[in-house]
C-alpha atoms as a PDB file:
ATOM      1  CA  UNK A   1       8.317-136.764-164.023  1.00  0.00           C
ATOM      2  CA  UNK A   2      11.244-135.601-164.972  1.00  0.00           C
ATOM      3  CA  UNK A   3      13.968-138.671-166.902  1.00  0.00           C
ATOM      4  CA  UNK A   4      16.448-136.383-168.604  1.00  0.00           C
ATOM      5  CA  UNK A   5      19.384-135.998-166.188  1.00  0.00           C
ATOM      6  CA  UNK A   6      21.960-134.104-166.034  1.00  0.00           C
ATOM      7  CA  UNK A   7      25.795-134.934-167.354  1.00  0.00           C
ATOM      8  CA  UNK A   8      27.040-133.278-164.408  1.00  0.00           C
ATOM      9  CA  UNK A   9      25.683-133.225-160.837  1.00  0.00           C
ATOM     10  CA  UNK A  10      27.061-131.047-158.185  1.00  0.00           C
ATOM     11  CA  UNK A  11      28.860-132.209-154.638  1.00  0.00           C
ATOM     12  CA  UNK A  12      28.327-131.436-151.273  1.00  0.00           C
ATOM     13  CA  UNK A  13      30.777-128.473-151.545  1.00  0.00           C
ATOM     14  CA  UNK A  14      28.150-126.387-153.961  1.00  0.00           C
ATOM     15  CA  UNK A  15      26.181-126.091-150.942  1.00  0.00           C
ATOM     16  CA  UNK A  16      28.362-125.539-148.057  1.00  0.00           C
ATOM     17  CA  UNK A  17      28.048-121.705-148.516  1.00  0.00           C
ATOM     18  CA  UNK A  18      24.215-121.755-147.602  1.00  0.00           C
ATOM     19  CA  UNK A  19      24.813-124.892-145.057  1.00  0.00           C
ATOM     20  CA  UNK A  20      26.344-124.369-141.889  1.00  0.00           C
ATOM     21  CA  UNK A  21      28.311-127.656-142.065  1.00  0.00           C
ATOM     22  CA  UNK A  22      29.513-130.613-144.293  1.00  0.00           C
ATOM     23  CA  UNK A  23      26.183-132.903-143.002  1.00  0.00           C
ATOM     24  CA  UNK A  24      24.079-130.194-143.473  1.00  0.00           C
ATOM     25  CA  UNK A  25      25.324-129.612-146.993  1.00  0.00           C
ATOM     26  CA  UNK A  26      24.867-133.178-147.924  1.00  0.00           C
ATOM     27  CA  UNK A  27      21.330-133.133-146.339  1.00  0.00           C
ATOM     28  CA  UNK A  28      20.716-129.962-148.552  1.00  0.00           C
ATOM     29  CA  UNK A  29      22.204-132.030-151.644  1.00  0.00           C
ATOM     30  CA  UNK A  30      20.031-134.990-151.328  1.00  0.00           C
ATOM     31  CA  UNK A  31      16.508-133.072-150.940  1.00  0.00           C
ATOM     32  CA  UNK A  32      17.551-131.100-153.998  1.00  0.00           C
ATOM     33  CA  UNK A  33      18.148-134.159-155.890  1.00  0.00           C
ATOM     34  CA  UNK A  34      15.166-135.378-154.774  1.00  0.00           C
ATOM     35  CA  UNK A  35      13.474-132.371-155.882  1.00  0.00           C
ATOM     36  CA  UNK A  36      14.906-132.697-159.522  1.00  0.00           C
ATOM     37  CA  UNK A  37      12.845-135.235-159.700  1.00  0.00           C
ATOM     38  CA  UNK A  38       9.634-133.956-159.470  1.00  0.00           C
ATOM     39  CA  UNK A  39       7.307-133.104-162.632  1.00  0.00           C
ATOM     40  CA  UNK A  40       8.482-130.640-165.348  1.00  0.00           C
ATOM     41  CA  UNK A  41       5.490-128.215-164.635  1.00  0.00           C
ATOM     42  CA  UNK A  42       7.022-127.997-160.556  1.00  0.00           C
ATOM     43  CA  UNK A  43       8.850-124.464-160.219  1.00  0.00           C
ATOM     44  CA  UNK A  44      10.504-126.601-157.423  1.00  0.00           C
ATOM     45  CA  UNK A  45      11.675-129.267-159.533  1.00  0.00           C
ATOM     46  CA  UNK A  46      12.825-127.021-162.319  1.00  0.00           C
ATOM     47  CA  UNK A  47      14.807-124.912-159.659  1.00  0.00           C
ATOM     48  CA  UNK A  48      16.344-127.723-158.281  1.00  0.00           C
ATOM     49  CA  UNK A  49      17.210-129.039-161.551  1.00  0.00           C
ATOM     50  CA  UNK A  50      18.861-125.746-162.271  1.00  0.00           C
ATOM     51  CA  UNK A  51      21.139-126.061-159.037  1.00  0.00           C
ATOM     52  CA  UNK A  52      21.815-129.873-159.605  1.00  0.00           C
ATOM     53  CA  UNK A  53      23.728-129.372-162.636  1.00  0.00           C
ATOM     54  CA  UNK A  54      25.102-126.403-162.035  1.00  0.00           C
ATOM     55  CA  UNK A  55      23.220-123.716-164.012  1.00  0.00           C
ATOM     56  CA  UNK A  56      22.406-121.935-160.945  1.00  0.00           C
ATOM     57  CA  UNK A  57      23.611-121.740-158.013  1.00  0.00           C
ATOM     58  CA  UNK A  58      21.314-122.147-154.554  1.00  0.00           C
ATOM     59  CA  UNK A  59      21.400-118.779-153.243  1.00  0.00           C
ATOM     60  CA  UNK A  60      20.473-117.427-157.179  1.00  0.00           C
ATOM     61  CA  UNK A  61      17.893-119.856-157.952  1.00  0.00           C
ATOM     62  CA  UNK A  62      16.271-119.769-154.320  1.00  0.00           C
ATOM     63  CA  UNK A  63      16.027-115.613-155.305  1.00  0.00           C
ATOM     64  CA  UNK A  64      14.682-116.679-158.681  1.00  0.00           C
ATOM     65  CA  UNK A  65      11.710-118.825-157.631  1.00  0.00           C
ATOM     66  CA  UNK A  66       8.145-117.523-158.478  1.00  0.00           C
ATOM     67  CA  UNK A  67       6.336-116.199-155.914  1.00  0.00           C
ATOM     68  CA  UNK A  68       3.208-117.935-156.877  1.00  0.00           C
ATOM     69  CA  UNK A  69       0.082-119.429-155.343  1.00  0.00           C
ATOM     70  CA  UNK A  70       0.934-123.427-155.592  1.00  0.00           C
ATOM     71  CA  UNK A  71       4.265-122.779-153.651  1.00  0.00           C
ATOM     72  CA  UNK A  72       2.953-120.519-151.437  1.00  0.00           C
ATOM     73  CA  UNK A  73       0.476-122.825-150.549  1.00  0.00           C
ATOM     74  CA  UNK A  74       3.627-125.676-149.719  1.00  0.00           C
ATOM     75  CA  UNK A  75       5.296-123.376-147.356  1.00  0.00           C
ATOM     76  CA  UNK A  76       1.592-122.535-145.993  1.00  0.00           C
ATOM     77  CA  UNK A  77       0.848-126.514-145.577  1.00  0.00           C
ATOM     78  CA  UNK A  78       4.544-127.215-143.826  1.00  0.00           C
ATOM     79  CA  UNK A  79       4.187-124.107-141.524  1.00  0.00           C
ATOM     80  CA  UNK A  80       0.465-125.592-140.858  1.00  0.00           C
ATOM     81  CA  UNK A  81       1.215-128.788-139.891  1.00  0.00           C
ATOM     82  CA  UNK A  82       4.554-127.603-137.870  1.00  0.00           C
ATOM     83  CA  UNK A  83       1.694-125.640-136.092  1.00  0.00           C
ATOM     84  CA  UNK A  84      -0.322-128.681-135.765  1.00  0.00           C
ATOM     85  CA  UNK A  85       1.936-130.467-134.027  1.00  0.00           C
ATOM     86  CA  UNK A  86       2.240-130.960-129.557  1.00  0.00           C
ATOM     87  CA  UNK A  87       5.534-129.751-128.129  1.00  0.00           C
ATOM     88  CA  UNK A  88       6.542-133.622-127.932  1.00  0.00           C
ATOM     89  CA  UNK A  89       5.972-134.108-131.856  1.00  0.00           C
ATOM     90  CA  UNK A  90       7.845-131.209-132.754  1.00  0.00           C
ATOM     91  CA  UNK A  91      10.980-132.451-130.158  1.00  0.00           C
ATOM     92  CA  UNK A  92      11.081-135.792-131.799  1.00  0.00           C
ATOM     93  CA  UNK A  93      10.996-134.174-135.344  1.00  0.00           C
ATOM     94  CA  UNK A  94      14.132-132.438-133.986  1.00  0.00           C
ATOM     95  CA  UNK A  95      15.426-135.716-132.891  1.00  0.00           C
ATOM     96  CA  UNK A  96      15.424-137.284-135.939  1.00  0.00           C
ATOM     97  CA  UNK A  97      16.503-134.876-137.921  1.00  0.00           C
ATOM     98  CA  UNK A  98      19.589-134.640-135.616  1.00  0.00           C
ATOM     99  CA  UNK A  99      20.104-138.647-136.103  1.00  0.00           C
ATOM    100  CA  UNK A 100      19.916-137.849-139.635  1.00  0.00           C
ATOM    101  CA  UNK A 101      22.284-135.297-139.708  1.00  0.00           C
ATOM    102  CA  UNK A 102      24.411-137.512-137.609  1.00  0.00           C
ATOM    103  CA  UNK A 103      24.420-140.158-139.822  1.00  0.00           C
ATOM    104  CA  UNK A 104      25.703-137.920-142.681  1.00  0.00           C
ATOM    105  CA  UNK A 105      28.326-137.238-140.178  1.00  0.00           C
ATOM    106  CA  UNK A 106      29.233-140.547-140.121  1.00  0.00           C
ATOM    107  CA  UNK A 107      28.980-141.084-143.791  1.00  0.00           C
ATOM    108  CA  UNK A 108      31.233-138.178-144.633  1.00  0.00           C
ATOM    109  CA  UNK A 109      33.945-139.468-142.177  1.00  0.00           C
ATOM    110  CA  UNK A 110      33.548-143.380-143.577  1.00  0.00           C
ATOM    111  CA  UNK A 111      34.193-141.888-147.237  1.00  0.00           C
ATOM    112  CA  UNK A 112      37.123-140.495-146.154  1.00  0.00           C
ATOM    113  CA  UNK A 113      38.872-142.917-144.267  1.00  0.00           C
ATOM    114  CA  UNK A 114      37.632-145.269-147.214  1.00  0.00           C
ATOM    115  CA  UNK A 115      39.839-143.150-149.573  1.00  0.00           C
ATOM    116  CA  UNK A 116      42.782-142.763-147.071  1.00  0.00           C
ATOM    117  CA  UNK A 117      42.045-138.937-146.364  1.00  0.00           C
ATOM    118  CA  UNK A 118      40.552-138.727-142.658  1.00  0.00           C
ATOM    119  CA  UNK A 119      41.166-134.689-142.844  1.00  0.00           C
ATOM    120  CA  UNK A 120      40.157-133.747-146.474  1.00  0.00           C
ATOM    121  CA  UNK A 121      36.876-132.585-147.892  1.00  0.00           C
ATOM    122  CA  UNK A 122      34.263-134.845-148.966  1.00  0.00           C
ATOM    123  CA  UNK A 123      33.902-135.552-152.657  1.00  0.00           C
ATOM    124  CA  UNK A 124      30.204-136.193-154.554  1.00  0.00           C
ATOM    125  CA  UNK A 125      30.239-139.842-155.773  1.00  0.00           C
ATOM    126  CA  UNK A 126      26.450-139.404-157.172  1.00  0.00           C
END
């Protein structure tokens, strides 16, 4: 596991260019933060650490990922699992994803309200 944490960590706003809304931007940031905790030899973990530290933008980092067998195997495994799901399992996964995005939206609203800024953009608090 990678244990060195950067002093600076990007916030949700860094992902708005790729995400369709604030909740998806927050989800993407949280996913990147989790990926960044991976092993030093993991290309996805290294990419996520670069993004989370602000050294590279998300699009640049994705474009710069090495096209190696282990990375392709991860994507293939995901695709195989998705393809193996029944229609009802896929619908359940989509429903769970929608519920999670709704939770993120509520979290963002609560942060704004507690800061007394109901219409202000969210600030990342780590």
